[in-house]
Amino acid sequence: MQKLDTWENPEGCQKLPAPAHVLVNETDAVVNIYGDPLCMTPNLSVEPGYGAHVAPETGSFSVGA
């Protein structure tokens, strides 16, 4: 089992935890998921209230913009 990681008002590029395989967007903005740890390779946009699978040990995310 893995305790859930949460971010309060994340800004900029955030690396996903290594064991992550699901991202749930509980914000009021679109969350952009990237296929690399530096937010350089756009992969998917997740609307508020939705979630998506993410690749373990590789990804990152940013909120909005």
PDB file of N, CA and C in Angstrom:
ATOM      1  N   MET A   1       0.833  -1.185   0.000  1.00  0.00           N
ATOM      2  CA  MET A   1       0.000   0.000   0.000  1.00  0.00           C
ATOM      3  C   MET A   1       0.875   1.245   0.000  1.00  0.00           C
ATOM      4  N   GLN A   2       0.326   2.304  -0.570  1.00  0.00           N
ATOM      5  CA  GLN A   2       1.035   3.580  -0.657  1.00  0.00           C
ATOM      6  C   GLN A   2       0.115   4.676  -0.164  1.00  0.00           C
ATOM      7  N   LYS A   3       0.604   5.480   0.777  1.00  0.00           N
ATOM      8  CA  LYS A   3      -0.155   6.645   1.229  1.00  0.00           C
ATOM      9  C   LYS A   3      -0.260   7.638   0.071  1.00  0.00           C
ATOM     10  N   LEU A   4      -1.397   8.286  -0.081  1.00  0.00           N
ATOM     11  CA  LEU A   4      -1.596   9.244  -1.168  1.00  0.00           C
ATOM     12  C   LEU A   4      -0.789  10.512  -0.937  1.00  0.00           C
ATOM     13  N   ASP A   5      -0.186  11.015  -1.996  1.00  0.00           N
ATOM     14  CA  ASP A   5       0.486  12.307  -1.966  1.00  0.00           C
ATOM     15  C   ASP A   5      -0.507  13.353  -2.443  1.00  0.00           C
ATOM     16  N   THR A   6      -0.553  14.490  -1.772  1.00  0.00           N
ATOM     17  CA  THR A   6      -1.402  15.594  -2.197  1.00  0.00           C
ATOM     18  C   THR A   6      -0.579  16.868  -2.202  1.00  0.00           C
ATOM     19  N   TRP A   7      -0.978  17.819  -3.042  1.00  0.00           N
ATOM     20  CA  TRP A   7      -0.299  19.108  -3.126  1.00  0.00           C
ATOM     21  C   TRP A   7      -1.318  20.195  -2.858  1.00  0.00           C
ATOM     22  N   GLU A   8      -0.984  21.130  -2.004  1.00  0.00           N
ATOM     23  CA  GLU A   8      -1.827  22.298  -1.741  1.00  0.00           C
ATOM     24  C   GLU A   8      -1.324  23.438  -2.610  1.00  0.00           C
ATOM     25  N   ASN A   9      -2.118  23.875  -3.561  1.00  0.00           N
ATOM     26  CA  ASN A   9      -1.778  24.992  -4.448  1.00  0.00           C
ATOM     27  C   ASN A   9      -0.418  24.815  -5.123  1.00  0.00           C
ATOM     28  N   PRO A  10      -0.214  23.731  -5.869  1.00  0.00           N
ATOM     29  CA  PRO A  10       1.076  23.523  -6.529  1.00  0.00           C
ATOM     30  C   PRO A  10       1.330  24.570  -7.603  1.00  0.00           C
ATOM     31  N   GLU A  11       2.567  25.002  -7.705  1.00  0.00           N
ATOM     32  CA  GLU A  11       2.976  25.961  -8.731  1.00  0.00           C
ATOM     33  C   GLU A  11       4.153  25.393  -9.497  1.00  0.00           C
ATOM     34  N   GLY A  12       4.215  25.691 -10.770  1.00  0.00           N
ATOM     35  CA  GLY A  12       5.327  25.228 -11.587  1.00  0.00           C
ATOM     36  C   GLY A  12       5.261  23.738 -11.858  1.00  0.00           C
ATOM     37  N   CYS A  13       6.399  23.187 -12.211  1.00  0.00           N
ATOM     38  CA  CYS A  13       6.518  21.774 -12.555  1.00  0.00           C
ATOM     39  C   CYS A  13       6.706  20.948 -11.285  1.00  0.00           C
ATOM     40  N   GLN A  14       5.899  19.903 -11.133  1.00  0.00           N
ATOM     41  CA  GLN A  14       5.977  19.013  -9.976  1.00  0.00           C
ATOM     42  C   GLN A  14       6.244  17.590 -10.456  1.00  0.00           C
ATOM     43  N   LYS A  15       7.300  16.979  -9.965  1.00  0.00           N
ATOM     44  CA  LYS A  15       7.589  15.588 -10.315  1.00  0.00           C
ATOM     45  C   LYS A  15       6.618  14.682  -9.575  1.00  0.00           C
ATOM     46  N   LEU A  16       6.080  13.699 -10.291  1.00  0.00           N
ATOM     47  CA  LEU A  16       5.192  12.723  -9.662  1.00  0.00           C
ATOM     48  C   LEU A  16       6.015  11.751  -8.820  1.00  0.00           C
ATOM     49  N   PRO A  17       5.474  11.261  -7.721  1.00  0.00           N
ATOM     50  CA  PRO A  17       6.179  10.252  -6.929  1.00  0.00           C
ATOM     51  C   PRO A  17       6.470   9.012  -7.782  1.00  0.00           C
ATOM     52  N   ALA A  18       7.585   8.358  -7.540  1.00  0.00           N
ATOM     53  CA  ALA A  18       7.997   7.201  -8.345  1.00  0.00           C
ATOM     54  C   ALA A  18       6.925   6.124  -8.468  1.00  0.00           C
ATOM     55  N   PRO A  19       6.202   5.754  -7.382  1.00  0.00           N
ATOM     56  CA  PRO A  19       5.212   4.683  -7.534  1.00  0.00           C
ATOM     57  C   PRO A  19       3.860   5.133  -8.096  1.00  0.00           C
ATOM     58  N   ALA A  20       3.716   6.422  -8.432  1.00  0.00           N
ATOM     59  CA  ALA A  20       2.417   6.933  -8.901  1.00  0.00           C
ATOM     60  C   ALA A  20       1.992   6.231 -10.186  1.00  0.00           C
ATOM     61  N   HIS A  21       0.716   5.915 -10.268  1.00  0.00           N
ATOM     62  CA  HIS A  21       0.171   5.396 -11.521  1.00  0.00           C
ATOM     63  C   HIS A  21      -1.203   5.986 -11.830  1.00  0.00           C
ATOM     64  N   VAL A  22      -1.719   6.846 -10.928  1.00  0.00           N
ATOM     65  CA  VAL A  22      -2.983   7.541 -11.168  1.00  0.00           C
ATOM     66  C   VAL A  22      -2.858   8.968 -10.641  1.00  0.00           C
ATOM     67  N   LEU A  23      -3.368   9.924 -11.396  1.00  0.00           N
ATOM     68  CA  LEU A  23      -3.434  11.311 -10.955  1.00  0.00           C
ATOM     69  C   LEU A  23      -4.907  11.711 -10.964  1.00  0.00           C
ATOM     70  N   VAL A  24      -5.380  12.294  -9.868  1.00  0.00           N
ATOM     71  CA  VAL A  24      -6.761  12.765  -9.756  1.00  0.00           C
ATOM     72  C   VAL A  24      -6.722  14.279  -9.631  1.00  0.00           C
ATOM     73  N   ASN A  25      -7.441  14.968 -10.495  1.00  0.00           N
ATOM     74  CA  ASN A  25      -7.465  16.422 -10.496  1.00  0.00           C
ATOM     75  C   ASN A  25      -8.611  16.919  -9.625  1.00  0.00           C
ATOM     76  N   GLU A  26      -8.280  17.405  -8.436  1.00  0.00           N
ATOM     77  CA  GLU A  26      -9.285  17.975  -7.534  1.00  0.00           C
ATOM     78  C   GLU A  26      -9.194  19.496  -7.497  1.00  0.00           C
ATOM     79  N   THR A  27      -8.577  20.091  -8.513  1.00  0.00           N
ATOM     80  CA  THR A  27      -8.464  21.546  -8.600  1.00  0.00           C
ATOM     81  C   THR A  27      -9.615  22.106  -9.428  1.00  0.00           C
ATOM     82  N   ASP A  28      -9.605  23.418  -9.613  1.00  0.00           N
ATOM     83  CA  ASP A  28     -10.574  24.081 -10.485  1.00  0.00           C
ATOM     84  C   ASP A  28      -9.964  24.387 -11.850  1.00  0.00           C
ATOM     85  N   ALA A  29      -8.763  23.868 -12.114  1.00  0.00           N
ATOM     86  CA  ALA A  29      -8.056  24.155 -13.361  1.00  0.00           C
ATOM     87  C   ALA A  29      -7.639  22.845 -14.028  1.00  0.00           C
ATOM     88  N   VAL A  30      -7.244  22.944 -15.283  1.00  0.00           N
ATOM     89  CA  VAL A  30      -6.724  21.787 -16.011  1.00  0.00           C
ATOM     90  C   VAL A  30      -5.341  21.443 -15.461  1.00  0.00           C
ATOM     91  N   VAL A  31      -5.088  20.149 -15.253  1.00  0.00           N
ATOM     92  CA  VAL A  31      -3.769  19.673 -14.855  1.00  0.00           C
ATOM     93  C   VAL A  31      -3.133  19.030 -16.079  1.00  0.00           C
ATOM     94  N   ASN A  32      -1.933  19.484 -16.424  1.00  0.00           N
ATOM     95  CA  ASN A  32      -1.206  18.937 -17.559  1.00  0.00           C
ATOM     96  C   ASN A  32      -0.214  17.897 -17.055  1.00  0.00           C
ATOM     97  N   ILE A  33      -0.237  16.715 -17.669  1.00  0.00           N
ATOM     98  CA  ILE A  33       0.672  15.635 -17.318  1.00  0.00           C
ATOM     99  C   ILE A  33       1.740  15.549 -18.402  1.00  0.00           C
ATOM    100  N   TYR A  34       2.975  15.312 -17.970  1.00  0.00           N
ATOM    101  CA  TYR A  34       4.118  15.240 -18.881  1.00  0.00           C
ATOM    102  C   TYR A  34       4.789  13.882 -18.756  1.00  0.00           C
ATOM    103  N   GLY A  35       5.427  13.448 -19.815  1.00  0.00           N
ATOM    104  CA  GLY A  35       6.085  12.149 -19.834  1.00  0.00           C
ATOM    105  C   GLY A  35       7.517  12.179 -19.353  1.00  0.00           C
ATOM    106  N   ASP A  36       7.946  13.287 -18.789  1.00  0.00           N
ATOM    107  CA  ASP A  36       9.309  13.420 -18.282  1.00  0.00           C
ATOM    108  C   ASP A  36       9.266  14.194 -16.963  1.00  0.00           C
ATOM    109  N   PRO A  37      10.344  14.173 -16.178  1.00  0.00           N
ATOM    110  CA  PRO A  37      10.328  14.841 -14.869  1.00  0.00           C
ATOM    111  C   PRO A  37      10.474  16.361 -14.925  1.00  0.00           C
ATOM    112  N   LEU A  38      10.696  16.938 -16.100  1.00  0.00           N
ATOM    113  CA  LEU A  38      10.940  18.378 -16.221  1.00  0.00           C
ATOM    114  C   LEU A  38       9.819  19.142 -16.919  1.00  0.00           C
ATOM    115  N   CYS A  39       8.659  18.507 -17.107  1.00  0.00           N
ATOM    116  CA  CYS A  39       7.500  19.143 -17.764  1.00  0.00           C
ATOM    117  C   CYS A  39       7.832  19.657 -19.159  1.00  0.00           C
ATOM    118  N   MET A  40       8.576  18.875 -19.915  1.00  0.00           N
ATOM    119  CA  MET A  40       8.955  19.290 -21.262  1.00  0.00           C
ATOM    120  C   MET A  40       8.222  18.513 -22.359  1.00  0.00           C
ATOM    121  N   THR A  41       7.706  17.323 -22.042  1.00  0.00           N
ATOM    122  CA  THR A  41       7.059  16.484 -23.032  1.00  0.00           C
ATOM    123  C   THR A  41       5.579  16.338 -22.692  1.00  0.00           C
ATOM    124  N   PRO A  42       4.711  17.215 -23.249  1.00  0.00           N
ATOM    125  CA  PRO A  42       3.276  17.138 -22.933  1.00  0.00           C
ATOM    126  C   PRO A  42       2.708  15.773 -23.297  1.00  0.00           C
ATOM    127  N   ASN A  43       1.855  15.275 -22.437  1.00  0.00           N
ATOM    128  CA  ASN A  43       1.290  13.960 -22.662  1.00  0.00           C
ATOM    129  C   ASN A  43      -0.233  13.993 -22.645  1.00  0.00           C
ATOM    130  N   LEU A  44      -0.812  14.660 -21.630  1.00  0.00           N
ATOM    131  CA  LEU A  44      -2.251  14.589 -21.447  1.00  0.00           C
ATOM    132  C   LEU A  44      -2.709  15.759 -20.594  1.00  0.00           C
ATOM    133  N   SER A  45      -3.923  16.244 -20.823  1.00  0.00           N
ATOM    134  CA  SER A  45      -4.535  17.270 -19.979  1.00  0.00           C
ATOM    135  C   SER A  45      -5.730  16.650 -19.268  1.00  0.00           C
ATOM    136  N   VAL A  46      -5.819  16.895 -17.952  1.00  0.00           N
ATOM    137  CA  VAL A  46      -6.877  16.313 -17.135  1.00  0.00           C
ATOM    138  C   VAL A  46      -7.779  17.435 -16.627  1.00  0.00           C
ATOM    139  N   GLU A  47      -9.052  17.379 -17.010  1.00  0.00           N
ATOM    140  CA  GLU A  47     -10.028  18.382 -16.597  1.00  0.00           C
ATOM    141  C   GLU A  47     -10.335  18.247 -15.100  1.00  0.00           C
ATOM    142  N   PRO A  48     -10.775  19.335 -14.457  1.00  0.00           N
ATOM    143  CA  PRO A  48     -11.170  19.259 -13.052  1.00  0.00           C
ATOM    144  C   PRO A  48     -12.216  18.167 -12.819  1.00  0.00           C
ATOM    145  N   GLY A  49     -12.041  17.421 -11.731  1.00  0.00           N
ATOM    146  CA  GLY A  49     -12.983  16.367 -11.396  1.00  0.00           C
ATOM    147  C   GLY A  49     -12.721  15.038 -12.088  1.00  0.00           C
ATOM    148  N   TYR A  50     -11.671  14.951 -12.898  1.00  0.00           N
ATOM    149  CA  TYR A  50     -11.330  13.720 -13.608  1.00  0.00           C
ATOM    150  C   TYR A  50      -9.958  13.226 -13.168  1.00  0.00           C
ATOM    151  N   GLY A  51      -9.611  12.033 -13.589  1.00  0.00           N
ATOM    152  CA  GLY A  51      -8.310  11.454 -13.289  1.00  0.00           C
ATOM    153  C   GLY A  51      -7.754  10.766 -14.517  1.00  0.00           C
ATOM    154  N   ALA A  52      -6.490  10.347 -14.426  1.00  0.00           N
ATOM    155  CA  ALA A  52      -5.845   9.667 -15.543  1.00  0.00           C
ATOM    156  C   ALA A  52      -4.723   8.786 -15.021  1.00  0.00           C
ATOM    157  N   HIS A  53      -4.417   7.753 -15.780  1.00  0.00           N
ATOM    158  CA  HIS A  53      -3.263   6.922 -15.469  1.00  0.00           C
ATOM    159  C   HIS A  53      -1.999   7.672 -15.878  1.00  0.00           C
ATOM    160  N   VAL A  54      -0.939   7.490 -15.100  1.00  0.00           N
ATOM    161  CA  VAL A  54       0.357   8.105 -15.412  1.00  0.00           C
ATOM    162  C   VAL A  54       1.421   7.014 -15.422  1.00  0.00           C
ATOM    163  N   ALA A  55       2.502   7.260 -16.134  1.00  0.00           N
ATOM    164  CA  ALA A  55       3.599   6.291 -16.206  1.00  0.00           C
ATOM    165  C   ALA A  55       4.442   6.363 -14.937  1.00  0.00           C
ATOM    166  N   PRO A  56       4.606   5.247 -14.231  1.00  0.00           N
ATOM    167  CA  PRO A  56       5.402   5.253 -13.003  1.00  0.00           C
ATOM    168  C   PRO A  56       6.861   5.652 -13.261  1.00  0.00           C
ATOM    169  N   GLU A  57       7.439   6.359 -12.323  1.00  0.00           N
ATOM    170  CA  GLU A  57       8.856   6.715 -12.273  1.00  0.00           C
ATOM    171  C   GLU A  57       9.317   7.670 -13.353  1.00  0.00           C
ATOM    172  N   THR A  58       8.426   8.277 -14.120  1.00  0.00           N
ATOM    173  CA  THR A  58       8.906   9.140 -15.198  1.00  0.00           C
ATOM    174  C   THR A  58       8.256  10.497 -15.281  1.00  0.00           C
ATOM    175  N   GLY A  59       7.039  10.660 -14.812  1.00  0.00           N
ATOM    176  CA  GLY A  59       6.252  11.824 -15.151  1.00  0.00           C
ATOM    177  C   GLY A  59       6.296  12.986 -14.184  1.00  0.00           C
ATOM    178  N   SER A  60       5.625  14.044 -14.622  1.00  0.00           N
ATOM    179  CA  SER A  60       5.488  15.263 -13.841  1.00  0.00           C
ATOM    180  C   SER A  60       4.147  15.900 -14.212  1.00  0.00           C
ATOM    181  N   PHE A  61       3.807  16.987 -13.516  1.00  0.00           N
ATOM    182  CA  PHE A  61       2.558  17.679 -13.832  1.00  0.00           C
ATOM    183  C   PHE A  61       2.690  19.156 -13.517  1.00  0.00           C
ATOM    184  N   SER A  62       1.788  19.929 -14.101  1.00  0.00           N
ATOM    185  CA  SER A  62       1.651  21.350 -13.772  1.00  0.00           C
ATOM    186  C   SER A  62       0.159  21.685 -13.805  1.00  0.00           C
ATOM    187  N   VAL A  63      -0.221  22.711 -13.070  1.00  0.00           N
ATOM    188  CA  VAL A  63      -1.626  23.106 -12.981  1.00  0.00           C
ATOM    189  C   VAL A  63      -1.825  24.381 -13.782  1.00  0.00           C
ATOM    190  N   GLY A  64      -2.844  24.387 -14.641  1.00  0.00           N
ATOM    191  CA  GLY A  64      -3.168  25.566 -15.432  1.00  0.00           C
ATOM    192  C   GLY A  64      -2.151  25.830 -16.528  1.00  0.00           C
ATOM    193  N   ALA A  65      -2.314  26.964 -17.165  1.00  0.00           N
ATOM    194  CA  ALA A  65      -1.454  27.424 -18.268  1.00  0.00           C
ATOM    195  C   ALA A  65      -0.990  26.287 -19.086  1.00  0.00           C
TER     196      ALA A  65
END
